[in-house]
Amino acid sequence: MRKIFIILVVFAFAVNAMTSETNQISQLVANIVAHATAGDAAFFAPLMDEHYRGRETNLVGMIQASGMQTNYTERCKINTNGTGRLNYHYLERGCNFQIDLAQTNGTWNISRIWFCR
């Protein structure tokens, strides 16, 4: 009985951690979409890989076309080392960007944005 209790407690902690991570990613995506919807290219400028700076307006258009708000769970990959990505190599919608994510002190942030081709 004690082993079952311990397993349930560990499971509850794991579910709580996954829920928190899912909520953080969801909020991060909502913030990205809000800035793109507002046409706020300046928000993305410091996040762009140096090779792609100056193309923030292109990125805003791609985010708007991507459907990110509703399909990000299918395009999000989280790694066990506290990194992840939103992969929008999605040519059907005219998108070819990737948003690299990193977890710092338990919070998910954008670490870099770059174009796939």
PDB file of N, CA and C in Angstrom:
ATOM      1  N   MET A   1       0.820  -1.195   0.000  1.00  0.00           N
ATOM      2  CA  MET A   1       0.000   0.000   0.000  1.00  0.00           C
ATOM      3  C   MET A   1       0.864   1.259   0.000  1.00  0.00           C
ATOM      4  N   ARG A   2       1.944   1.222   0.755  1.00  0.00           N
ATOM      5  CA  ARG A   2       2.833   2.375   0.831  1.00  0.00           C
ATOM      6  C   ARG A   2       3.483   2.647  -0.526  1.00  0.00           C
ATOM      7  N   LYS A   3       3.872   1.584  -1.241  1.00  0.00           N
ATOM      8  CA  LYS A   3       4.483   1.754  -2.560  1.00  0.00           C
ATOM      9  C   LYS A   3       3.501   2.407  -3.529  1.00  0.00           C
ATOM     10  N   ILE A   4       2.254   2.019  -3.442  1.00  0.00           N
ATOM     11  CA  ILE A   4       1.238   2.608  -4.315  1.00  0.00           C
ATOM     12  C   ILE A   4       1.073   4.094  -4.004  1.00  0.00           C
ATOM     13  N   PHE A   5       1.064   4.442  -2.739  1.00  0.00           N
ATOM     14  CA  PHE A   5       0.952   5.840  -2.331  1.00  0.00           C
ATOM     15  C   PHE A   5       2.128   6.652  -2.875  1.00  0.00           C
ATOM     16  N   ILE A   6       3.326   6.123  -2.745  1.00  0.00           N
ATOM     17  CA  ILE A   6       4.516   6.820  -3.234  1.00  0.00           C
ATOM     18  C   ILE A   6       4.445   6.993  -4.756  1.00  0.00           C
ATOM     19  N   ILE A   7       4.024   5.962  -5.445  1.00  0.00           N
ATOM     20  CA  ILE A   7       3.884   6.049  -6.906  1.00  0.00           C
ATOM     21  C   ILE A   7       2.867   7.122  -7.274  1.00  0.00           C
ATOM     22  N   LEU A   8       1.748   7.170  -6.556  1.00  0.00           N
ATOM     23  CA  LEU A   8       0.723   8.179  -6.834  1.00  0.00           C
ATOM     24  C   LEU A   8       1.236   9.589  -6.570  1.00  0.00           C
ATOM     25  N   VAL A   9       1.997   9.779  -5.521  1.00  0.00           N
ATOM     26  CA  VAL A   9       2.558  11.099  -5.205  1.00  0.00           C
ATOM     27  C   VAL A   9       3.536  11.525  -6.300  1.00  0.00           C
ATOM     28  N   VAL A  10       4.411  10.627  -6.703  1.00  0.00           N
ATOM     29  CA  VAL A  10       5.368  10.940  -7.776  1.00  0.00           C
ATOM     30  C   VAL A  10       4.618  11.268  -9.068  1.00  0.00           C
ATOM     31  N   PHE A  11       3.605  10.490  -9.383  1.00  0.00           N
ATOM     32  CA  PHE A  11       2.798  10.730 -10.575  1.00  0.00           C
ATOM     33  C   PHE A  11       2.130  12.102 -10.508  1.00  0.00           C
ATOM     34  N   ALA A  12       1.588  12.454  -9.352  1.00  0.00           N
ATOM     35  CA  ALA A  12       0.925  13.751  -9.191  1.00  0.00           C
ATOM     36  C   ALA A  12       1.909  14.893  -9.421  1.00  0.00           C
ATOM     37  N   PHE A  13       3.131  14.773  -8.904  1.00  0.00           N
ATOM     38  CA  PHE A  13       4.149  15.803  -9.134  1.00  0.00           C
ATOM     39  C   PHE A  13       4.503  15.897 -10.612  1.00  0.00           C
ATOM     40  N   ALA A  14       4.623  14.772 -11.277  1.00  0.00           N
ATOM     41  CA  ALA A  14       4.965  14.759 -12.705  1.00  0.00           C
ATOM     42  C   ALA A  14       3.859  15.416 -13.534  1.00  0.00           C
ATOM     43  N   VAL A  15       2.609  15.106 -13.223  1.00  0.00           N
ATOM     44  CA  VAL A  15       1.484  15.707 -13.941  1.00  0.00           C
ATOM     45  C   VAL A  15       1.451  17.207 -13.696  1.00  0.00           C
ATOM     46  N   ASN A  16       1.689  17.634 -12.474  1.00  0.00           N
ATOM     47  CA  ASN A  16       1.705  19.058 -12.148  1.00  0.00           C
ATOM     48  C   ASN A  16       2.806  19.771 -12.921  1.00  0.00           C
ATOM     49  N   ALA A  17       3.991  19.180 -13.009  1.00  0.00           N
ATOM     50  CA  ALA A  17       5.105  19.788 -13.740  1.00  0.00           C
ATOM     51  C   ALA A  17       4.766  19.899 -15.225  1.00  0.00           C
ATOM     52  N   MET A  18       4.168  18.847 -15.800  1.00  0.00           N
ATOM     53  CA  MET A  18       3.812  18.887 -17.218  1.00  0.00           C
ATOM     54  C   MET A  18       2.733  19.937 -17.479  1.00  0.00           C
ATOM     55  N   THR A  19       1.760  20.058 -16.579  1.00  0.00           N
ATOM     56  CA  THR A  19       0.698  21.038 -16.730  1.00  0.00           C
ATOM     57  C   THR A  19       1.267  22.442 -16.668  1.00  0.00           C
ATOM     58  N   SER A  20       2.173  22.689 -15.748  1.00  0.00           N
ATOM     59  CA  SER A  20       2.811  23.995 -15.626  1.00  0.00           C
ATOM     60  C   SER A  20       3.589  24.324 -16.890  1.00  0.00           C
ATOM     61  N   GLU A  21       4.339  23.366 -17.407  1.00  0.00           N
ATOM     62  CA  GLU A  21       5.109  23.569 -18.635  1.00  0.00           C
ATOM     63  C   GLU A  21       4.175  23.856 -19.806  1.00  0.00           C
ATOM     64  N   THR A  22       3.104  23.100 -19.924  1.00  0.00           N
ATOM     65  CA  THR A  22       2.131  23.299 -20.996  1.00  0.00           C
ATOM     66  C   THR A  22       1.518  24.690 -20.910  1.00  0.00           C
ATOM     67  N   ASN A  23       1.180  25.132 -19.709  1.00  0.00           N
ATOM     68  CA  ASN A  23       0.607  26.468 -19.524  1.00  0.00           C
ATOM     69  C   ASN A  23       1.604  27.550 -19.909  1.00  0.00           C
ATOM     70  N   GLN A  24       2.871  27.372 -19.540  1.00  0.00           N
ATOM     71  CA  GLN A  24       3.888  28.363 -19.886  1.00  0.00           C
ATOM     72  C   GLN A  24       4.073  28.465 -21.395  1.00  0.00           C
ATOM     73  N   ILE A  25       4.140  27.333 -22.064  1.00  0.00           N
ATOM     74  CA  ILE A  25       4.306  27.334 -23.518  1.00  0.00           C
ATOM     75  C   ILE A  25       3.088  27.989 -24.170  1.00  0.00           C
ATOM     76  N   SER A  26       1.908  27.663 -23.680  1.00  0.00           N
ATOM     77  CA  SER A  26       0.680  28.247 -24.206  1.00  0.00           C
ATOM     78  C   SER A  26       0.692  29.774 -24.064  1.00  0.00           C
ATOM     79  N   GLN A  27       1.112  30.261 -22.917  1.00  0.00           N
ATOM     80  CA  GLN A  27       1.189  31.711 -22.686  1.00  0.00           C
ATOM     81  C   GLN A  27       2.252  32.360 -23.573  1.00  0.00           C
ATOM     82  N   LEU A  28       3.377  31.679 -23.747  1.00  0.00           N
ATOM     83  CA  LEU A  28       4.432  32.195 -24.611  1.00  0.00           C
ATOM     84  C   LEU A  28       3.932  32.304 -26.050  1.00  0.00           C
ATOM     85  N   VAL A  29       3.245  31.276 -26.529  1.00  0.00           N
ATOM     86  CA  VAL A  29       2.690  31.298 -27.883  1.00  0.00           C
ATOM     87  C   VAL A  29       1.655  32.416 -28.013  1.00  0.00           C
ATOM     88  N   ALA A  30       0.800  32.576 -27.020  1.00  0.00           N
ATOM     89  CA  ALA A  30      -0.201  33.648 -27.060  1.00  0.00           C
ATOM     90  C   ALA A  30       0.476  35.011 -27.162  1.00  0.00           C
ATOM     91  N   ASN A  31       1.594  35.182 -26.469  1.00  0.00           N
ATOM     92  CA  ASN A  31       2.344  36.441 -26.531  1.00  0.00           C
ATOM     93  C   ASN A  31       2.947  36.644 -27.922  1.00  0.00           C
ATOM     94  N   ILE A  32       3.525  35.594 -28.491  1.00  0.00           N
ATOM     95  CA  ILE A  32       4.094  35.673 -29.844  1.00  0.00           C
ATOM     96  C   ILE A  32       3.007  36.062 -30.839  1.00  0.00           C
ATOM     97  N   VAL A  33       1.864  35.380 -30.768  1.00  0.00           N
ATOM     98  CA  VAL A  33       0.760  35.639 -31.696  1.00  0.00           C
ATOM     99  C   VAL A  33       0.227  37.061 -31.510  1.00  0.00           C
ATOM    100  N   ALA A  34       0.116  37.518 -30.277  1.00  0.00           N
ATOM    101  CA  ALA A  34      -0.389  38.873 -30.019  1.00  0.00           C
ATOM    102  C   ALA A  34       0.527  39.925 -30.654  1.00  0.00           C
ATOM    103  N   HIS A  35       1.837  39.749 -30.508  1.00  0.00           N
ATOM    104  CA  HIS A  35       2.778  40.705 -31.113  1.00  0.00           C
ATOM    105  C   HIS A  35       2.712  40.653 -32.635  1.00  0.00           C
ATOM    106  N   ALA A  36       2.578  39.461 -33.195  1.00  0.00           N
ATOM    107  CA  ALA A  36       2.476  39.339 -34.652  1.00  0.00           C
ATOM    108  C   ALA A  36       1.169  39.939 -35.154  1.00  0.00           C
ATOM    109  N   THR A  37       0.080  39.689 -34.447  1.00  0.00           N
ATOM    110  CA  THR A  37      -1.227  40.230 -34.833  1.00  0.00           C
ATOM    111  C   THR A  37      -1.208  41.757 -34.827  1.00  0.00           C
ATOM    112  N   ALA A  38      -0.476  42.324 -33.872  1.00  0.00           N
ATOM    113  CA  ALA A  38      -0.355  43.780 -33.769  1.00  0.00           C
ATOM    114  C   ALA A  38       0.645  44.345 -34.781  1.00  0.00           C
ATOM    115  N   GLY A  39       1.323  43.469 -35.519  1.00  0.00           N
ATOM    116  CA  GLY A  39       2.324  43.931 -36.475  1.00  0.00           C
ATOM    117  C   GLY A  39       3.578  44.463 -35.809  1.00  0.00           C
ATOM    118  N   ASP A  40       3.844  44.004 -34.604  1.00  0.00           N
ATOM    119  CA  ASP A  40       4.953  44.499 -33.786  1.00  0.00           C
ATOM    120  C   ASP A  40       6.280  43.825 -34.165  1.00  0.00           C
ATOM    121  N   ALA A  41       6.816  44.206 -35.313  1.00  0.00           N
ATOM    122  CA  ALA A  41       8.081  43.630 -35.785  1.00  0.00           C
ATOM    123  C   ALA A  41       9.221  43.936 -34.824  1.00  0.00           C
ATOM    124  N   ALA A  42       9.170  45.071 -34.143  1.00  0.00           N
ATOM    125  CA  ALA A  42      10.238  45.467 -33.217  1.00  0.00           C
ATOM    126  C   ALA A  42      10.387  44.473 -32.065  1.00  0.00           C
ATOM    127  N   PHE A  43       9.295  43.836 -31.655  1.00  0.00           N
ATOM    128  CA  PHE A  43       9.363  42.838 -30.589  1.00  0.00           C
ATOM    129  C   PHE A  43      10.285  41.694 -30.986  1.00  0.00           C
ATOM    130  N   PHE A  44      10.238  41.300 -32.254  1.00  0.00           N
ATOM    131  CA  PHE A  44      10.992  40.146 -32.721  1.00  0.00           C
ATOM    132  C   PHE A  44      12.447  40.467 -33.065  1.00  0.00           C
ATOM    133  N   ALA A  45      12.757  41.737 -33.304  1.00  0.00           N
ATOM    134  CA  ALA A  45      14.096  42.123 -33.768  1.00  0.00           C
ATOM    135  C   ALA A  45      15.236  41.589 -32.896  1.00  0.00           C
ATOM    136  N   PRO A  46      15.206  41.761 -31.589  1.00  0.00           N
ATOM    137  CA  PRO A  46      16.339  41.278 -30.789  1.00  0.00           C
ATOM    138  C   PRO A  46      16.391  39.756 -30.655  1.00  0.00           C
ATOM    139  N   LEU A  47      15.329  39.083 -31.052  1.00  0.00           N
ATOM    140  CA  LEU A  47      15.262  37.624 -30.943  1.00  0.00           C
ATOM    141  C   LEU A  47      15.726  36.914 -32.209  1.00  0.00           C
ATOM    142  N   MET A  48      15.836  37.690 -33.295  1.00  0.00           N
ATOM    143  CA  MET A  48      16.211  37.117 -34.582  1.00  0.00           C
ATOM    144  C   MET A  48      17.691  36.749 -34.590  1.00  0.00           C
ATOM    145  N   ASP A  49      17.996  35.596 -35.176  1.00  0.00           N
ATOM    146  CA  ASP A  49      19.374  35.223 -35.405  1.00  0.00           C
ATOM    147  C   ASP A  49      20.012  36.334 -36.238  1.00  0.00           C
ATOM    148  N   GLU A  50      21.270  36.650 -35.961  1.00  0.00           N
ATOM    149  CA  GLU A  50      21.901  37.807 -36.615  1.00  0.00           C
ATOM    150  C   GLU A  50      21.856  37.732 -38.139  1.00  0.00           C
ATOM    151  N   HIS A  51      21.867  36.556 -38.711  1.00  0.00           N
ATOM    152  CA  HIS A  51      21.813  36.407 -40.170  1.00  0.00           C
ATOM    153  C   HIS A  51      20.468  36.828 -40.753  1.00  0.00           C
ATOM    154  N   TYR A  52      19.445  36.907 -39.915  1.00  0.00           N
ATOM    155  CA  TYR A  52      18.091  37.178 -40.408  1.00  0.00           C
ATOM    156  C   TYR A  52      17.531  38.506 -39.905  1.00  0.00           C
ATOM    157  N   ARG A  53      18.347  39.273 -39.199  1.00  0.00           N
ATOM    158  CA  ARG A  53      17.862  40.578 -38.720  1.00  0.00           C
ATOM    159  C   ARG A  53      17.526  41.462 -39.910  1.00  0.00           C
ATOM    160  N   GLY A  54      16.477  42.236 -39.751  1.00  0.00           N
ATOM    161  CA  GLY A  54      15.985  43.066 -40.835  1.00  0.00           C
ATOM    162  C   GLY A  54      14.828  42.419 -41.579  1.00  0.00           C
ATOM    163  N   ARG A  55      14.550  41.161 -41.261  1.00  0.00           N
ATOM    164  CA  ARG A  55      13.451  40.451 -41.926  1.00  0.00           C
ATOM    165  C   ARG A  55      12.294  40.178 -40.958  1.00  0.00           C
ATOM    166  N   GLU A  56      12.200  41.012 -39.931  1.00  0.00           N
ATOM    167  CA  GLU A  56      11.171  40.822 -38.910  1.00  0.00           C
ATOM    168  C   GLU A  56       9.757  40.949 -39.485  1.00  0.00           C
ATOM    169  N   THR A  57       9.577  41.843 -40.448  1.00  0.00           N
ATOM    170  CA  THR A  57       8.256  42.004 -41.064  1.00  0.00           C
ATOM    171  C   THR A  57       7.850  40.722 -41.793  1.00  0.00           C
ATOM    172  N   ASN A  58       8.811  40.060 -42.431  1.00  0.00           N
ATOM    173  CA  ASN A  58       8.529  38.769 -43.073  1.00  0.00           C
ATOM    174  C   ASN A  58       8.073  37.760 -42.025  1.00  0.00           C
ATOM    175  N   LEU A  59       8.762  37.736 -40.891  1.00  0.00           N
ATOM    176  CA  LEU A  59       8.416  36.812 -39.809  1.00  0.00           C
ATOM    177  C   LEU A  59       6.998  37.071 -39.313  1.00  0.00           C
ATOM    178  N   VAL A  60       6.662  38.340 -39.098  1.00  0.00           N
ATOM    179  CA  VAL A  60       5.319  38.690 -38.615  1.00  0.00           C
ATOM    180  C   VAL A  60       4.263  38.127 -39.562  1.00  0.00           C
ATOM    181  N   GLY A  61       4.473  38.301 -40.868  1.00  0.00           N
ATOM    182  CA  GLY A  61       3.523  37.766 -41.847  1.00  0.00           C
ATOM    183  C   GLY A  61       3.416  36.256 -41.784  1.00  0.00           C
ATOM    184  N   MET A  62       4.556  35.595 -41.604  1.00  0.00           N
ATOM    185  CA  MET A  62       4.538  34.129 -41.522  1.00  0.00           C
ATOM    186  C   MET A  62       3.818  33.658 -40.258  1.00  0.00           C
ATOM    187  N   ILE A  63       4.058  34.337 -39.130  1.00  0.00           N
ATOM    188  CA  ILE A  63       3.366  33.953 -37.893  1.00  0.00           C
ATOM    189  C   ILE A  63       1.864  34.133 -38.073  1.00  0.00           C
ATOM    190  N   GLN A  64       1.465  35.242 -38.690  1.00  0.00           N
ATOM    191  CA  GLN A  64       0.040  35.473 -38.930  1.00  0.00           C
ATOM    192  C   GLN A  64      -0.559  34.378 -39.806  1.00  0.00           C
ATOM    193  N   ALA A  65       0.180  33.897 -40.773  1.00  0.00           N
ATOM    194  CA  ALA A  65      -0.322  32.868 -41.694  1.00  0.00           C
ATOM    195  C   ALA A  65      -0.235  31.458 -41.116  1.00  0.00           C
ATOM    196  N   SER A  66       0.566  31.282 -40.074  1.00  0.00           N
ATOM    197  CA  SER A  66       0.889  29.944 -39.579  1.00  0.00           C
ATOM    198  C   SER A  66      -0.237  29.225 -38.844  1.00  0.00           C
ATOM    199  N   GLY A  67      -1.164  29.974 -38.274  1.00  0.00           N
ATOM    200  CA  GLY A  67      -2.186  29.351 -37.433  1.00  0.00           C
ATOM    201  C   GLY A  67      -1.626  28.912 -36.089  1.00  0.00           C
ATOM    202  N   MET A  68      -0.551  29.545 -35.673  1.00  0.00           N
ATOM    203  CA  MET A  68       0.185  29.146 -34.471  1.00  0.00           C
ATOM    204  C   MET A  68      -0.703  29.014 -33.237  1.00  0.00           C
ATOM    205  N   GLN A  69      -1.638  29.914 -33.067  1.00  0.00           N
ATOM    206  CA  GLN A  69      -2.466  29.893 -31.855  1.00  0.00           C
ATOM    207  C   GLN A  69      -3.194  28.567 -31.677  1.00  0.00           C
ATOM    208  N   THR A  70      -3.570  27.935 -32.779  1.00  0.00           N
ATOM    209  CA  THR A  70      -4.345  26.704 -32.670  1.00  0.00           C
ATOM    210  C   THR A  70      -3.556  25.439 -32.988  1.00  0.00           C
ATOM    211  N   ASN A  71      -2.402  25.552 -33.643  1.00  0.00           N
ATOM    212  CA  ASN A  71      -1.691  24.337 -34.037  1.00  0.00           C
ATOM    213  C   ASN A  71      -0.308  24.181 -33.408  1.00  0.00           C
ATOM    214  N   TYR A  72       0.052  25.053 -32.468  1.00  0.00           N
ATOM    215  CA  TYR A  72       1.409  25.005 -31.923  1.00  0.00           C
ATOM    216  C   TYR A  72       1.726  23.689 -31.216  1.00  0.00           C
ATOM    217  N   THR A  73       0.737  23.021 -30.645  1.00  0.00           N
ATOM    218  CA  THR A  73       1.039  21.769 -29.935  1.00  0.00           C
ATOM    219  C   THR A  73       1.568  20.703 -30.883  1.00  0.00           C
ATOM    220  N   GLU A  74       1.129  20.747 -32.142  1.00  0.00           N
ATOM    221  CA  GLU A  74       1.613  19.794 -33.142  1.00  0.00           C
ATOM    222  C   GLU A  74       3.012  20.140 -33.629  1.00  0.00           C
ATOM    223  N   ARG A  75       3.416  21.386 -33.450  1.00  0.00           N
ATOM    224  CA  ARG A  75       4.685  21.863 -33.993  1.00  0.00           C
ATOM    225  C   ARG A  75       5.694  22.202 -32.901  1.00  0.00           C
ATOM    226  N   CYS A  76       5.369  21.848 -31.668  1.00  0.00           N
ATOM    227  CA  CYS A  76       6.242  22.136 -30.526  1.00  0.00           C
ATOM    228  C   CYS A  76       6.954  20.861 -30.087  1.00  0.00           C
ATOM    229  N   LYS A  77       8.248  20.961 -29.936  1.00  0.00           N
ATOM    230  CA  LYS A  77       9.065  19.844 -29.462  1.00  0.00           C
ATOM    231  C   LYS A  77       9.832  20.334 -28.242  1.00  0.00           C
ATOM    232  N   ILE A  78       9.622  19.680 -27.117  1.00  0.00           N
ATOM    233  CA  ILE A  78      10.327  20.011 -25.886  1.00  0.00           C
ATOM    234  C   ILE A  78      11.302  18.884 -25.584  1.00  0.00           C
ATOM    235  N   ASN A  79      12.539  19.244 -25.325  1.00  0.00           N
ATOM    236  CA  ASN A  79      13.584  18.275 -25.002  1.00  0.00           C
ATOM    237  C   ASN A  79      13.764  18.177 -23.492  1.00  0.00           C
ATOM    238  N   THR A  80      14.356  17.097 -23.037  1.00  0.00           N
ATOM    239  CA  THR A  80      14.541  16.896 -21.600  1.00  0.00           C
ATOM    240  C   THR A  80      15.616  17.810 -21.007  1.00  0.00           C
ATOM    241  N   ASN A  81      16.419  18.455 -21.838  1.00  0.00           N
ATOM    242  CA  ASN A  81      17.499  19.306 -21.327  1.00  0.00           C
ATOM    243  C   ASN A  81      17.096  20.768 -21.157  1.00  0.00           C
ATOM    244  N   GLY A  82      15.797  21.059 -21.178  1.00  0.00           N
ATOM    245  CA  GLY A  82      15.337  22.428 -20.977  1.00  0.00           C
ATOM    246  C   GLY A  82      15.392  23.286 -22.229  1.00  0.00           C
ATOM    247  N   THR A  83      15.402  22.644 -23.383  1.00  0.00           N
ATOM    248  CA  THR A  83      15.331  23.367 -24.646  1.00  0.00           C
ATOM    249  C   THR A  83      14.145  22.832 -25.442  1.00  0.00           C
ATOM    250  N   GLY A  84      13.782  23.558 -26.455  1.00  0.00           N
ATOM    251  CA  GLY A  84      12.699  23.114 -27.307  1.00  0.00           C
ATOM    252  C   GLY A  84      12.612  23.995 -28.532  1.00  0.00           C
ATOM    253  N   ARG A  85      11.569  23.778 -29.328  1.00  0.00           N
ATOM    254  CA  ARG A  85      11.406  24.602 -30.518  1.00  0.00           C
ATOM    255  C   ARG A  85       9.951  24.555 -30.992  1.00  0.00           C
ATOM    256  N   LEU A  86       9.597  25.617 -31.672  1.00  0.00           N
ATOM    257  CA  LEU A  86       8.360  25.684 -32.435  1.00  0.00           C
ATOM    258  C   LEU A  86       8.803  25.642 -33.888  1.00  0.00           C
ATOM    259  N   ASN A  87       8.514  24.568 -34.572  1.00  0.00           N
ATOM    260  CA  ASN A  87       9.005  24.354 -35.917  1.00  0.00           C
ATOM    261  C   ASN A  87       7.911  24.674 -36.925  1.00  0.00           C
ATOM    262  N   TYR A  88       8.094  25.740 -37.671  1.00  0.00           N
ATOM    263  CA  TYR A  88       7.131  26.153 -38.681  1.00  0.00           C
ATOM    264  C   TYR A  88       7.747  26.119 -40.074  1.00  0.00           C
ATOM    265  N   HIS A  89       8.370  25.005 -40.385  1.00  0.00           N
ATOM    266  CA  HIS A  89       8.728  24.710 -41.769  1.00  0.00           C
ATOM    267  C   HIS A  89       7.444  24.132 -42.349  1.00  0.00           C
ATOM    268  N   TYR A  90       6.569  25.019 -42.750  1.00  0.00           N
ATOM    269  CA  TYR A  90       5.176  24.711 -43.067  1.00  0.00           C
ATOM    270  C   TYR A  90       4.856  25.383 -44.395  1.00  0.00           C
ATOM    271  N   LEU A  91       5.420  24.854 -45.455  1.00  0.00           N
ATOM    272  CA  LEU A  91       5.375  25.495 -46.764  1.00  0.00           C
ATOM    273  C   LEU A  91       3.956  25.681 -47.295  1.00  0.00           C
ATOM    274  N   GLU A  92       3.028  24.808 -46.892  1.00  0.00           N
ATOM    275  CA  GLU A  92       1.641  24.950 -47.343  1.00  0.00           C
ATOM    276  C   GLU A  92       1.059  26.306 -46.936  1.00  0.00           C
ATOM    277  N   ARG A  93       1.585  26.854 -45.868  1.00  0.00           N
ATOM    278  CA  ARG A  93       1.106  28.155 -45.379  1.00  0.00           C
ATOM    279  C   ARG A  93       2.120  29.268 -45.627  1.00  0.00           C
ATOM    280  N   GLY A  94       3.167  28.970 -46.359  1.00  0.00           N
ATOM    281  CA  GLY A  94       4.166  29.988 -46.669  1.00  0.00           C
ATOM    282  C   GLY A  94       5.082  30.310 -45.497  1.00  0.00           C
ATOM    283  N   CYS A  95       5.282  29.353 -44.613  1.00  0.00           N
ATOM    284  CA  CYS A  95       6.096  29.577 -43.418  1.00  0.00           C
ATOM    285  C   CYS A  95       7.383  28.755 -43.487  1.00  0.00           C
ATOM    286  N   ASN A  96       8.464  29.362 -43.045  1.00  0.00           N
ATOM    287  CA  ASN A  96       9.736  28.642 -42.984  1.00  0.00           C
ATOM    288  C   ASN A  96      10.603  29.199 -41.858  1.00  0.00           C
ATOM    289  N   PHE A  97      10.064  29.189 -40.654  1.00  0.00           N
ATOM    290  CA  PHE A  97      10.811  29.712 -39.514  1.00  0.00           C
ATOM    291  C   PHE A  97      10.789  28.719 -38.361  1.00  0.00           C
ATOM    292  N   GLN A  98      11.746  28.921 -37.485  1.00  0.00           N
ATOM    293  CA  GLN A  98      11.810  28.119 -36.265  1.00  0.00           C
ATOM    294  C   GLN A  98      12.070  29.055 -35.094  1.00  0.00           C
ATOM    295  N   ILE A  99      11.377  28.805 -34.010  1.00  0.00           N
ATOM    296  CA  ILE A  99      11.577  29.556 -32.777  1.00  0.00           C
ATOM    297  C   ILE A  99      12.185  28.600 -31.765  1.00  0.00           C
ATOM    298  N   ASP A 100      13.428  28.857 -31.391  1.00  0.00           N
ATOM    299  CA  ASP A 100      14.107  28.035 -30.393  1.00  0.00           C
ATOM    300  C   ASP A 100      13.715  28.528 -29.004  1.00  0.00           C
ATOM    301  N   LEU A 101      13.468  27.590 -28.120  1.00  0.00           N
ATOM    302  CA  LEU A 101      13.033  27.890 -26.754  1.00  0.00           C
ATOM    303  C   LEU A 101      14.072  27.393 -25.759  1.00  0.00           C
ATOM    304  N   ALA A 102      14.137  28.072 -24.634  1.00  0.00           N
ATOM    305  CA  ALA A 102      15.022  27.637 -23.554  1.00  0.00           C
ATOM    306  C   ALA A 102      14.327  27.919 -22.232  1.00  0.00           C
ATOM    307  N   GLN A 103      14.528  27.010 -21.306  1.00  0.00           N
ATOM    308  CA  GLN A 103      13.948  27.165 -19.972  1.00  0.00           C
ATOM    309  C   GLN A 103      15.033  27.686 -19.046  1.00  0.00           C
ATOM    310  N   THR A 104      14.750  28.824 -18.416  1.00  0.00           N
ATOM    311  CA  THR A 104      15.678  29.437 -17.475  1.00  0.00           C
ATOM    312  C   THR A 104      14.942  29.664 -16.162  1.00  0.00           C
ATOM    313  N   ASN A 105      15.478  29.103 -15.097  1.00  0.00           N
ATOM    314  CA  ASN A 105      14.840  29.223 -13.772  1.00  0.00           C
ATOM    315  C   ASN A 105      13.368  28.831 -13.811  1.00  0.00           C
ATOM    316  N   GLY A 106      13.066  27.782 -14.573  1.00  0.00           N
ATOM    317  CA  GLY A 106      11.713  27.254 -14.620  1.00  0.00           C
ATOM    318  C   GLY A 106      10.767  27.988 -15.551  1.00  0.00           C
ATOM    319  N   THR A 107      11.261  28.973 -16.284  1.00  0.00           N
ATOM    320  CA  THR A 107      10.416  29.759 -17.184  1.00  0.00           C
ATOM    321  C   THR A 107      10.873  29.566 -18.623  1.00  0.00           C
ATOM    322  N   TRP A 108       9.915  29.325 -19.524  1.00  0.00           N
ATOM    323  CA  TRP A 108      10.222  29.151 -20.942  1.00  0.00           C
ATOM    324  C   TRP A 108      10.268  30.491 -21.641  1.00  0.00           C
ATOM    325  N   ASN A 109      11.317  30.683 -22.447  1.00  0.00           N
ATOM    326  CA  ASN A 109      11.522  31.922 -23.192  1.00  0.00           C
ATOM    327  C   ASN A 109      11.987  31.602 -24.606  1.00  0.00           C
ATOM    328  N   ILE A 110      11.909  32.599 -25.465  1.00  0.00           N
ATOM    329  CA  ILE A 110      12.459  32.478 -26.814  1.00  0.00           C
ATOM    330  C   ILE A 110      13.962  32.707 -26.720  1.00  0.00           C
ATOM    331  N   SER A 111      14.740  31.782 -27.244  1.00  0.00           N
ATOM    332  CA  SER A 111      16.187  31.981 -27.246  1.00  0.00           C
ATOM    333  C   SER A 111      16.695  32.472 -28.607  1.00  0.00           C
ATOM    334  N   ARG A 112      15.976  32.132 -29.680  1.00  0.00           N
ATOM    335  CA  ARG A 112      16.428  32.529 -31.020  1.00  0.00           C
ATOM    336  C   ARG A 112      15.324  32.241 -32.019  1.00  0.00           C
ATOM    337  N   ILE A 113      15.243  33.083 -33.044  1.00  0.00           N
ATOM    338  CA  ILE A 113      14.317  32.861 -34.158  1.00  0.00           C
ATOM    339  C   ILE A 113      15.146  32.882 -35.434  1.00  0.00           C
ATOM    340  N   TRP A 114      14.893  31.908 -36.293  1.00  0.00           N
ATOM    341  CA  TRP A 114      15.648  31.853 -37.545  1.00  0.00           C
ATOM    342  C   TRP A 114      14.776  31.267 -38.643  1.00  0.00           C
ATOM    343  N   PHE A 115      15.205  31.482 -39.881  1.00  0.00           N
ATOM    344  CA  PHE A 115      14.490  30.968 -41.028  1.00  0.00           C
ATOM    345  C   PHE A 115      15.116  29.669 -41.494  1.00  0.00           C
ATOM    346  N   CYS A 116      14.265  28.722 -41.872  1.00  0.00           N
ATOM    347  CA  CYS A 116      14.736  27.379 -42.236  1.00  0.00           C
ATOM    348  C   CYS A 116      15.450  27.340 -43.564  1.00  0.00           C
ATOM    349  N   ARG A 117      15.152  28.231 -44.464  1.00  0.00           N
ATOM    350  CA  ARG A 117      15.849  28.251 -45.753  1.00  0.00           C
ATOM    351  C   ARG A 117      15.962  29.648 -46.255  1.00  0.00           C
TER     352      ARG A 117
END
